[in-house]
Amino acid sequence: MERMDGVLTLAEAAERLGLASDTLRHQAEAGRLQARLIGKTWVTTLEEVERYRRESLGRRRPTLRRPPESTAQAAEPPADRR
C-alpha cells in the first residue's frame, strides 16, 4: 500500500501523543479529532494531530478544592477527653 505524506494511522498518532489509540478513536467518533475510517483503519493527518495536541492536550481539568479550614480550628489542638 502506498503511503500518503502527512497521513497517519490513529495508532501512529497515539504514539506521537503518548495516548492509547482507543482514546483517539473515541475522540474521532465524538468529533473532537478529524479522522476517517478507511476499511478497518482509522487515519488522520499530521496537521490534525498537531491541532489536537495544541487545543486538547495539556489543559488542566478543574479540580474540586476544599474550603480552607478556619484559623481558629487550625490554631487550637483538639481537647483531651478523659
PDB file of N, CA and C in Angstrom:
ATOM      1  N   MET A   1       0.846  -1.186   0.000  1.00  0.00           N
ATOM      2  CA  MET A   1       0.000   0.000   0.000  1.00  0.00           C
ATOM      3  C   MET A   1       0.887   1.244   0.000  1.00  0.00           C
ATOM      4  N   GLU A   2       0.616   2.163  -0.872  1.00  0.00           N
ATOM      5  CA  GLU A   2       1.397   3.389  -0.968  1.00  0.00           C
ATOM      6  C   GLU A   2       1.044   4.330   0.173  1.00  0.00           C
ATOM      7  N   ARG A   3       2.058   4.868   0.779  1.00  0.00           N
ATOM      8  CA  ARG A   3       1.879   5.761   1.933  1.00  0.00           C
ATOM      9  C   ARG A   3       1.728   7.196   1.460  1.00  0.00           C
ATOM     10  N   MET A   4       0.688   7.883   1.918  1.00  0.00           N
ATOM     11  CA  MET A   4       0.495   9.292   1.577  1.00  0.00           C
ATOM     12  C   MET A   4       1.227  10.161   2.598  1.00  0.00           C
ATOM     13  N   ASP A   5       1.920  11.183   2.123  1.00  0.00           N
ATOM     14  CA  ASP A   5       2.638  12.090   3.022  1.00  0.00           C
ATOM     15  C   ASP A   5       1.659  12.802   3.945  1.00  0.00           C
ATOM     16  N   GLY A   6       2.034  12.888   5.223  1.00  0.00           N
ATOM     17  CA  GLY A   6       1.217  13.618   6.190  1.00  0.00           C
ATOM     18  C   GLY A   6       0.029  12.850   6.714  1.00  0.00           C
ATOM     19  N   VAL A   7      -0.140  11.587   6.330  1.00  0.00           N
ATOM     20  CA  VAL A   7      -1.262  10.785   6.805  1.00  0.00           C
ATOM     21  C   VAL A   7      -0.738   9.752   7.791  1.00  0.00           C
ATOM     22  N   LEU A   8      -1.411   9.656   8.934  1.00  0.00           N
ATOM     23  CA  LEU A   8      -1.019   8.725   9.986  1.00  0.00           C
ATOM     24  C   LEU A   8      -2.195   7.854  10.381  1.00  0.00           C
ATOM     25  N   THR A   9      -1.915   6.646  10.788  1.00  0.00           N
ATOM     26  CA  THR A   9      -2.972   5.852  11.417  1.00  0.00           C
ATOM     27  C   THR A   9      -3.171   6.424  12.816  1.00  0.00           C
ATOM     28  N   LEU A  10      -4.311   6.115  13.426  1.00  0.00           N
ATOM     29  CA  LEU A  10      -4.521   6.597  14.785  1.00  0.00           C
ATOM     30  C   LEU A  10      -3.527   5.958  15.750  1.00  0.00           C
ATOM     31  N   ALA A  11      -3.083   4.745  15.447  1.00  0.00           N
ATOM     32  CA  ALA A  11      -2.061   4.108  16.292  1.00  0.00           C
ATOM     33  C   ALA A  11      -0.762   4.912  16.244  1.00  0.00           C
ATOM     34  N   GLU A  12      -0.372   5.366  15.056  1.00  0.00           N
ATOM     35  CA  GLU A  12       0.842   6.182  14.922  1.00  0.00           C
ATOM     36  C   GLU A  12       0.662   7.533  15.607  1.00  0.00           C
ATOM     37  N   ALA A  13      -0.519   8.123  15.418  1.00  0.00           N
ATOM     38  CA  ALA A  13      -0.804   9.409  16.043  1.00  0.00           C
ATOM     39  C   ALA A  13      -0.793   9.277  17.567  1.00  0.00           C
ATOM     40  N   ALA A  14      -1.361   8.201  18.069  1.00  0.00           N
ATOM     41  CA  ALA A  14      -1.403   7.975  19.510  1.00  0.00           C
ATOM     42  C   ALA A  14      -0.001   7.848  20.077  1.00  0.00           C
ATOM     43  N   GLU A  15       0.865   7.162  19.360  1.00  0.00           N
ATOM     44  CA  GLU A  15       2.250   7.010  19.803  1.00  0.00           C
ATOM     45  C   GLU A  15       2.930   8.378  19.886  1.00  0.00           C
ATOM     46  N   ARG A  16       2.702   9.230  18.903  1.00  0.00           N
ATOM     47  CA  ARG A  16       3.293  10.578  18.915  1.00  0.00           C
ATOM     48  C   ARG A  16       2.782  11.407  20.092  1.00  0.00           C
ATOM     49  N   LEU A  17       1.508  11.194  20.448  1.00  0.00           N
ATOM     50  CA  LEU A  17       0.893  11.991  21.503  1.00  0.00           C
ATOM     51  C   LEU A  17       1.033  11.371  22.892  1.00  0.00           C
ATOM     52  N   GLY A  18       1.486  10.130  22.951  1.00  0.00           N
ATOM     53  CA  GLY A  18       1.585   9.456  24.236  1.00  0.00           C
ATOM     54  C   GLY A  18       0.233   9.029  24.783  1.00  0.00           C
ATOM     55  N   LEU A  19      -0.684   8.702  23.885  1.00  0.00           N
ATOM     56  CA  LEU A  19      -2.032   8.277  24.265  1.00  0.00           C
ATOM     57  C   LEU A  19      -2.301   6.881  23.737  1.00  0.00           C
ATOM     58  N   ALA A  20      -3.374   6.282  24.212  1.00  0.00           N
ATOM     59  CA  ALA A  20      -3.808   4.999  23.677  1.00  0.00           C
ATOM     60  C   ALA A  20      -4.565   5.241  22.374  1.00  0.00           C
ATOM     61  N   SER A  21      -4.428   4.329  21.430  1.00  0.00           N
ATOM     62  CA  SER A  21      -5.123   4.502  20.148  1.00  0.00           C
ATOM     63  C   SER A  21      -6.638   4.480  20.348  1.00  0.00           C
ATOM     64  N   ASP A  22      -7.117   3.734  21.340  1.00  0.00           N
ATOM     65  CA  ASP A  22      -8.564   3.735  21.629  1.00  0.00           C
ATOM     66  C   ASP A  22      -9.035   5.120  22.057  1.00  0.00           C
ATOM     67  N   THR A  23      -8.197   5.846  22.777  1.00  0.00           N
ATOM     68  CA  THR A  23      -8.550   7.210  23.190  1.00  0.00           C
ATOM     69  C   THR A  23      -8.763   8.089  21.965  1.00  0.00           C
ATOM     70  N   LEU A  24      -7.857   8.001  21.003  1.00  0.00           N
ATOM     71  CA  LEU A  24      -8.011   8.813  19.792  1.00  0.00           C
ATOM     72  C   LEU A  24      -9.206   8.359  18.965  1.00  0.00           C
ATOM     73  N   ARG A  25      -9.467   7.065  18.948  1.00  0.00           N
ATOM     74  CA  ARG A  25     -10.644   6.579  18.221  1.00  0.00           C
ATOM     75  C   ARG A  25     -11.916   7.167  18.831  1.00  0.00           C
ATOM     76  N   HIS A  26     -11.991   7.178  20.152  1.00  0.00           N
ATOM     77  CA  HIS A  26     -13.161   7.777  20.824  1.00  0.00           C
ATOM     78  C   HIS A  26     -13.255   9.267  20.516  1.00  0.00           C
ATOM     79  N   GLN A  27     -12.117   9.952  20.488  1.00  0.00           N
ATOM     80  CA  GLN A  27     -12.105  11.376  20.156  1.00  0.00           C
ATOM     81  C   GLN A  27     -12.594  11.609  18.732  1.00  0.00           C
ATOM     82  N   ALA A  28     -12.188  10.738  17.817  1.00  0.00           N
ATOM     83  CA  ALA A  28     -12.634  10.843  16.414  1.00  0.00           C
ATOM     84  C   ALA A  28     -14.133  10.591  16.313  1.00  0.00           C
ATOM     85  N   GLU A  29     -14.613   9.560  17.003  1.00  0.00           N
ATOM     86  CA  GLU A  29     -16.040   9.243  16.954  1.00  0.00           C
ATOM     87  C   GLU A  29     -16.884  10.362  17.555  1.00  0.00           C
ATOM     88  N   ALA A  30     -16.315  11.089  18.534  1.00  0.00           N
ATOM     89  CA  ALA A  30     -17.022  12.196  19.173  1.00  0.00           C
ATOM     90  C   ALA A  30     -16.885  13.501  18.397  1.00  0.00           C
ATOM     91  N   GLY A  31     -16.051  13.509  17.349  1.00  0.00           N
ATOM     92  CA  GLY A  31     -15.875  14.704  16.531  1.00  0.00           C
ATOM     93  C   GLY A  31     -14.830  15.670  17.056  1.00  0.00           C
ATOM     94  N   ARG A  32     -14.068  15.268  18.065  1.00  0.00           N
ATOM     95  CA  ARG A  32     -13.036  16.146  18.618  1.00  0.00           C
ATOM     96  C   ARG A  32     -11.707  16.015  17.884  1.00  0.00           C
ATOM     97  N   LEU A  33     -11.572  14.978  17.070  1.00  0.00           N
ATOM     98  CA  LEU A  33     -10.380  14.762  16.248  1.00  0.00           C
ATOM     99  C   LEU A  33     -10.875  14.383  14.861  1.00  0.00           C
ATOM    100  N   GLN A  34     -10.425  15.106  13.848  1.00  0.00           N
ATOM    101  CA  GLN A  34     -10.840  14.782  12.492  1.00  0.00           C
ATOM    102  C   GLN A  34     -10.067  13.556  12.023  1.00  0.00           C
ATOM    103  N   ALA A  35     -10.790  12.501  11.692  1.00  0.00           N
ATOM    104  CA  ALA A  35     -10.181  11.258  11.221  1.00  0.00           C
ATOM    105  C   ALA A  35     -11.201  10.532  10.360  1.00  0.00           C
ATOM    106  N   ARG A  36     -10.699   9.631   9.546  1.00  0.00           N
ATOM    107  CA  ARG A  36     -11.569   8.833   8.662  1.00  0.00           C
ATOM    108  C   ARG A  36     -11.283   7.369   8.868  1.00  0.00           C
ATOM    109  N   LEU A  37     -12.322   6.582   8.696  1.00  0.00           N
ATOM    110  CA  LEU A  37     -12.186   5.137   8.751  1.00  0.00           C
ATOM    111  C   LEU A  37     -12.053   4.640   7.318  1.00  0.00           C
ATOM    112  N   ILE A  38     -10.910   4.077   6.999  1.00  0.00           N
ATOM    113  CA  ILE A  38     -10.674   3.517   5.662  1.00  0.00           C
ATOM    114  C   ILE A  38     -10.546   2.014   5.852  1.00  0.00           C
ATOM    115  N   GLY A  39     -11.558   1.305   5.415  1.00  0.00           N
ATOM    116  CA  GLY A  39     -11.605  -0.130   5.685  1.00  0.00           C
ATOM    117  C   GLY A  39     -11.752  -0.339   7.181  1.00  0.00           C
ATOM    118  N   LYS A  40     -10.750  -0.940   7.793  1.00  0.00           N
ATOM    119  CA  LYS A  40     -10.769  -1.160   9.243  1.00  0.00           C
ATOM    120  C   LYS A  40      -9.776  -0.261   9.974  1.00  0.00           C
ATOM    121  N   THR A  41      -9.183   0.682   9.249  1.00  0.00           N
ATOM    122  CA  THR A  41      -8.120   1.509   9.825  1.00  0.00           C
ATOM    123  C   THR A  41      -8.539   2.971   9.884  1.00  0.00           C
ATOM    124  N   TRP A  42      -8.424   3.547  11.084  1.00  0.00           N
ATOM    125  CA  TRP A  42      -8.657   4.973  11.248  1.00  0.00           C
ATOM    126  C   TRP A  42      -7.396   5.718  10.842  1.00  0.00           C
ATOM    127  N   VAL A  43      -7.542   6.795  10.071  1.00  0.00           N
ATOM    128  CA  VAL A  43      -6.412   7.631   9.671  1.00  0.00           C
ATOM    129  C   VAL A  43      -6.739   9.099   9.919  1.00  0.00           C
ATOM    130  N   THR A  44      -5.690   9.869  10.109  1.00  0.00           N
ATOM    131  CA  THR A  44      -5.811  11.312  10.290  1.00  0.00           C
ATOM    132  C   THR A  44      -4.571  11.949   9.685  1.00  0.00           C
ATOM    133  N   THR A  45      -4.501  13.261   9.748  1.00  0.00           N
ATOM    134  CA  THR A  45      -3.334  13.948   9.193  1.00  0.00           C
ATOM    135  C   THR A  45      -2.421  14.442  10.309  1.00  0.00           C
ATOM    136  N   LEU A  46      -1.166  14.633   9.969  1.00  0.00           N
ATOM    137  CA  LEU A  46      -0.210  15.174  10.916  1.00  0.00           C
ATOM    138  C   LEU A  46      -0.654  16.557  11.381  1.00  0.00           C
ATOM    139  N   GLU A  47      -1.181  17.337  10.453  1.00  0.00           N
ATOM    140  CA  GLU A  47      -1.677  18.677  10.793  1.00  0.00           C
ATOM    141  C   GLU A  47      -2.786  18.596  11.840  1.00  0.00           C
ATOM    142  N   GLU A  48      -3.692  17.638  11.686  1.00  0.00           N
ATOM    143  CA  GLU A  48      -4.793  17.472  12.645  1.00  0.00           C
ATOM    144  C   GLU A  48      -4.273  16.992  13.996  1.00  0.00           C
ATOM    145  N   VAL A  49      -3.282  16.133  13.984  1.00  0.00           N
ATOM    146  CA  VAL A  49      -2.685  15.659  15.232  1.00  0.00           C
ATOM    147  C   VAL A  49      -2.062  16.838  15.991  1.00  0.00           C
ATOM    148  N   GLU A  50      -1.374  17.706  15.278  1.00  0.00           N
ATOM    149  CA  GLU A  50      -0.766  18.875  15.926  1.00  0.00           C
ATOM    150  C   GLU A  50      -1.826  19.839  16.438  1.00  0.00           C
ATOM    151  N   ARG A  51      -2.911  20.021  15.698  1.00  0.00           N
ATOM    152  CA  ARG A  51      -4.018  20.866  16.172  1.00  0.00           C
ATOM    153  C   ARG A  51      -4.606  20.283  17.446  1.00  0.00           C
ATOM    154  N   TYR A  52      -4.824  18.967  17.450  1.00  0.00           N
ATOM    155  CA  TYR A  52      -5.386  18.297  18.618  1.00  0.00           C
ATOM    156  C   TYR A  52      -4.442  18.466  19.815  1.00  0.00           C
ATOM    157  N   ARG A  53      -3.139  18.329  19.573  1.00  0.00           N
ATOM    158  CA  ARG A  53      -2.159  18.496  20.659  1.00  0.00           C
ATOM    159  C   ARG A  53      -2.256  19.902  21.256  1.00  0.00           C
ATOM    160  N   ARG A  54      -2.300  20.911  20.399  1.00  0.00           N
ATOM    161  CA  ARG A  54      -2.359  22.308  20.874  1.00  0.00           C
ATOM    162  C   ARG A  54      -3.640  22.601  21.635  1.00  0.00           C
ATOM    163  N   GLU A  55      -4.760  22.136  21.097  1.00  0.00           N
ATOM    164  CA  GLU A  55      -6.053  22.531  21.641  1.00  0.00           C
ATOM    165  C   GLU A  55      -6.588  21.616  22.730  1.00  0.00           C
ATOM    166  N   SER A  56      -6.159  20.373  22.761  1.00  0.00           N
ATOM    167  CA  SER A  56      -6.783  19.434  23.685  1.00  0.00           C
ATOM    168  C   SER A  56      -5.864  18.858  24.745  1.00  0.00           C
ATOM    169  N   LEU A  57      -4.583  18.824  24.494  1.00  0.00           N
ATOM    170  CA  LEU A  57      -3.678  18.232  25.476  1.00  0.00           C
ATOM    171  C   LEU A  57      -3.020  19.309  26.319  1.00  0.00           C
ATOM    172  N   GLY A  58      -2.709  18.964  27.539  1.00  0.00           N
ATOM    173  CA  GLY A  58      -2.034  19.898  28.414  1.00  0.00           C
ATOM    174  C   GLY A  58      -2.966  20.838  29.135  1.00  0.00           C
ATOM    175  N   ARG A  59      -4.252  20.777  28.806  1.00  0.00           N
ATOM    176  CA  ARG A  59      -5.205  21.602  29.540  1.00  0.00           C
ATOM    177  C   ARG A  59      -5.542  20.880  30.832  1.00  0.00           C
ATOM    178  N   ARG A  60      -5.544  21.603  31.893  1.00  0.00           N
ATOM    179  CA  ARG A  60      -5.863  21.006  33.175  1.00  0.00           C
ATOM    180  C   ARG A  60      -7.359  21.070  33.391  1.00  0.00           C
ATOM    181  N   ARG A  61      -7.877  20.004  33.895  1.00  0.00           N
ATOM    182  CA  ARG A  61      -9.292  19.981  34.245  1.00  0.00           C
ATOM    183  C   ARG A  61      -9.456  20.649  35.600  1.00  0.00           C
ATOM    184  N   PRO A  62     -10.574  21.351  35.791  1.00  0.00           N
ATOM    185  CA  PRO A  62     -10.778  21.981  37.092  1.00  0.00           C
ATOM    186  C   PRO A  62     -10.892  20.912  38.179  1.00  0.00           C
ATOM    187  N   THR A  63     -10.304  21.183  39.308  1.00  0.00           N
ATOM    188  CA  THR A  63     -10.395  20.236  40.418  1.00  0.00           C
ATOM    189  C   THR A  63     -11.251  20.835  41.514  1.00  0.00           C
ATOM    190  N   LEU A  64     -11.897  19.974  42.251  1.00  0.00           N
ATOM    191  CA  LEU A  64     -12.679  20.435  43.384  1.00  0.00           C
ATOM    192  C   LEU A  64     -11.722  20.691  44.534  1.00  0.00           C
ATOM    193  N   ARG A  65     -11.858  21.832  45.131  1.00  0.00           N
ATOM    194  CA  ARG A  65     -10.976  22.184  46.240  1.00  0.00           C
ATOM    195  C   ARG A  65     -11.794  22.290  47.513  1.00  0.00           C
ATOM    196  N   ARG A  66     -11.188  21.875  48.588  1.00  0.00           N
ATOM    197  CA  ARG A  66     -11.838  22.017  49.889  1.00  0.00           C
ATOM    198  C   ARG A  66     -11.735  23.461  50.332  1.00  0.00           C
ATOM    199  N   PRO A  67     -12.774  23.948  50.992  1.00  0.00           N
ATOM    200  CA  PRO A  67     -12.657  25.311  51.523  1.00  0.00           C
ATOM    201  C   PRO A  67     -11.594  25.325  52.616  1.00  0.00           C
ATOM    202  N   PRO A  68     -10.883  26.425  52.766  1.00  0.00           N
ATOM    203  CA  PRO A  68      -9.843  26.481  53.795  1.00  0.00           C
ATOM    204  C   PRO A  68     -10.463  26.327  55.178  1.00  0.00           C
ATOM    205  N   GLU A  69      -9.732  25.644  56.044  1.00  0.00           N
ATOM    206  CA  GLU A  69     -10.212  25.487  57.412  1.00  0.00           C
ATOM    207  C   GLU A  69     -10.116  26.823  58.112  1.00  0.00           C
ATOM    208  N   SER A  70     -11.010  27.031  59.052  1.00  0.00           N
ATOM    209  CA  SER A  70     -10.969  28.296  59.780  1.00  0.00           C
ATOM    210  C   SER A  70      -9.690  28.337  60.608  1.00  0.00           C
ATOM    211  N   THR A  71      -9.133  29.511  60.776  1.00  0.00           N
ATOM    212  CA  THR A  71      -7.875  29.643  61.520  1.00  0.00           C
ATOM    213  C   THR A  71      -8.053  29.263  62.973  1.00  0.00           C
ATOM    214  N   ALA A  72      -9.245  29.463  63.509  1.00  0.00           N
ATOM    215  CA  ALA A  72      -9.484  29.097  64.903  1.00  0.00           C
ATOM    216  C   ALA A  72      -9.377  27.588  65.078  1.00  0.00           C
ATOM    217  N   GLN A  73      -9.908  26.842  64.173  1.00  0.00           N
ATOM    218  CA  GLN A  73      -9.828  25.379  64.253  1.00  0.00           C
ATOM    219  C   GLN A  73      -8.408  24.907  64.088  1.00  0.00           C
ATOM    220  N   ALA A  74      -7.675  25.505  63.193  1.00  0.00           N
ATOM    221  CA  ALA A  74      -6.317  25.069  62.921  1.00  0.00           C
ATOM    222  C   ALA A  74      -5.372  25.433  64.065  1.00  0.00           C
ATOM    223  N   ALA A  75      -5.631  26.537  64.774  1.00  0.00           N
ATOM    224  CA  ALA A  75      -4.753  27.006  65.832  1.00  0.00           C
ATOM    225  C   ALA A  75      -4.946  26.223  67.122  1.00  0.00           C
ATOM    226  N   GLU A  76      -6.159  25.738  67.368  1.00  0.00           N
ATOM    227  CA  GLU A  76      -6.444  25.048  68.621  1.00  0.00           C
ATOM    228  C   GLU A  76      -6.304  23.549  68.449  1.00  0.00           C
ATOM    229  N   PRO A  77      -5.474  22.924  69.280  1.00  0.00           N
ATOM    230  CA  PRO A  77      -5.394  21.471  69.217  1.00  0.00           C
ATOM    231  C   PRO A  77      -6.667  20.862  69.793  1.00  0.00           C
ATOM    232  N   PRO A  78      -7.010  19.648  69.405  1.00  0.00           N
ATOM    233  CA  PRO A  78      -8.215  19.028  69.923  1.00  0.00           C
ATOM    234  C   PRO A  78      -8.116  18.865  71.442  1.00  0.00           C
ATOM    235  N   ALA A  79      -9.226  19.064  72.119  1.00  0.00           N
ATOM    236  CA  ALA A  79      -9.261  18.953  73.576  1.00  0.00           C
ATOM    237  C   ALA A  79      -9.110  17.497  73.980  1.00  0.00           C
ATOM    238  N   ASP A  80      -8.361  17.252  75.063  1.00  0.00           N
ATOM    239  CA  ASP A  80      -8.188  15.900  75.594  1.00  0.00           C
ATOM    240  C   ASP A  80      -9.433  15.528  76.386  1.00  0.00           C
ATOM    241  N   ARG A  81     -10.032  14.436  76.022  1.00  0.00           N
ATOM    242  CA  ARG A  81     -11.233  13.991  76.755  1.00  0.00           C
ATOM    243  C   ARG A  81     -10.841  12.806  77.612  1.00  0.00           C
ATOM    244  N   ARG A  82     -11.005  12.968  78.904  1.00  0.00           N
ATOM    245  CA  ARG A  82     -10.679  11.877  79.839  1.00  0.00           C
ATOM    246  C   ARG A  82     -11.843  11.556  80.690  1.00  0.00           C
TER     247      ARG A  82
END
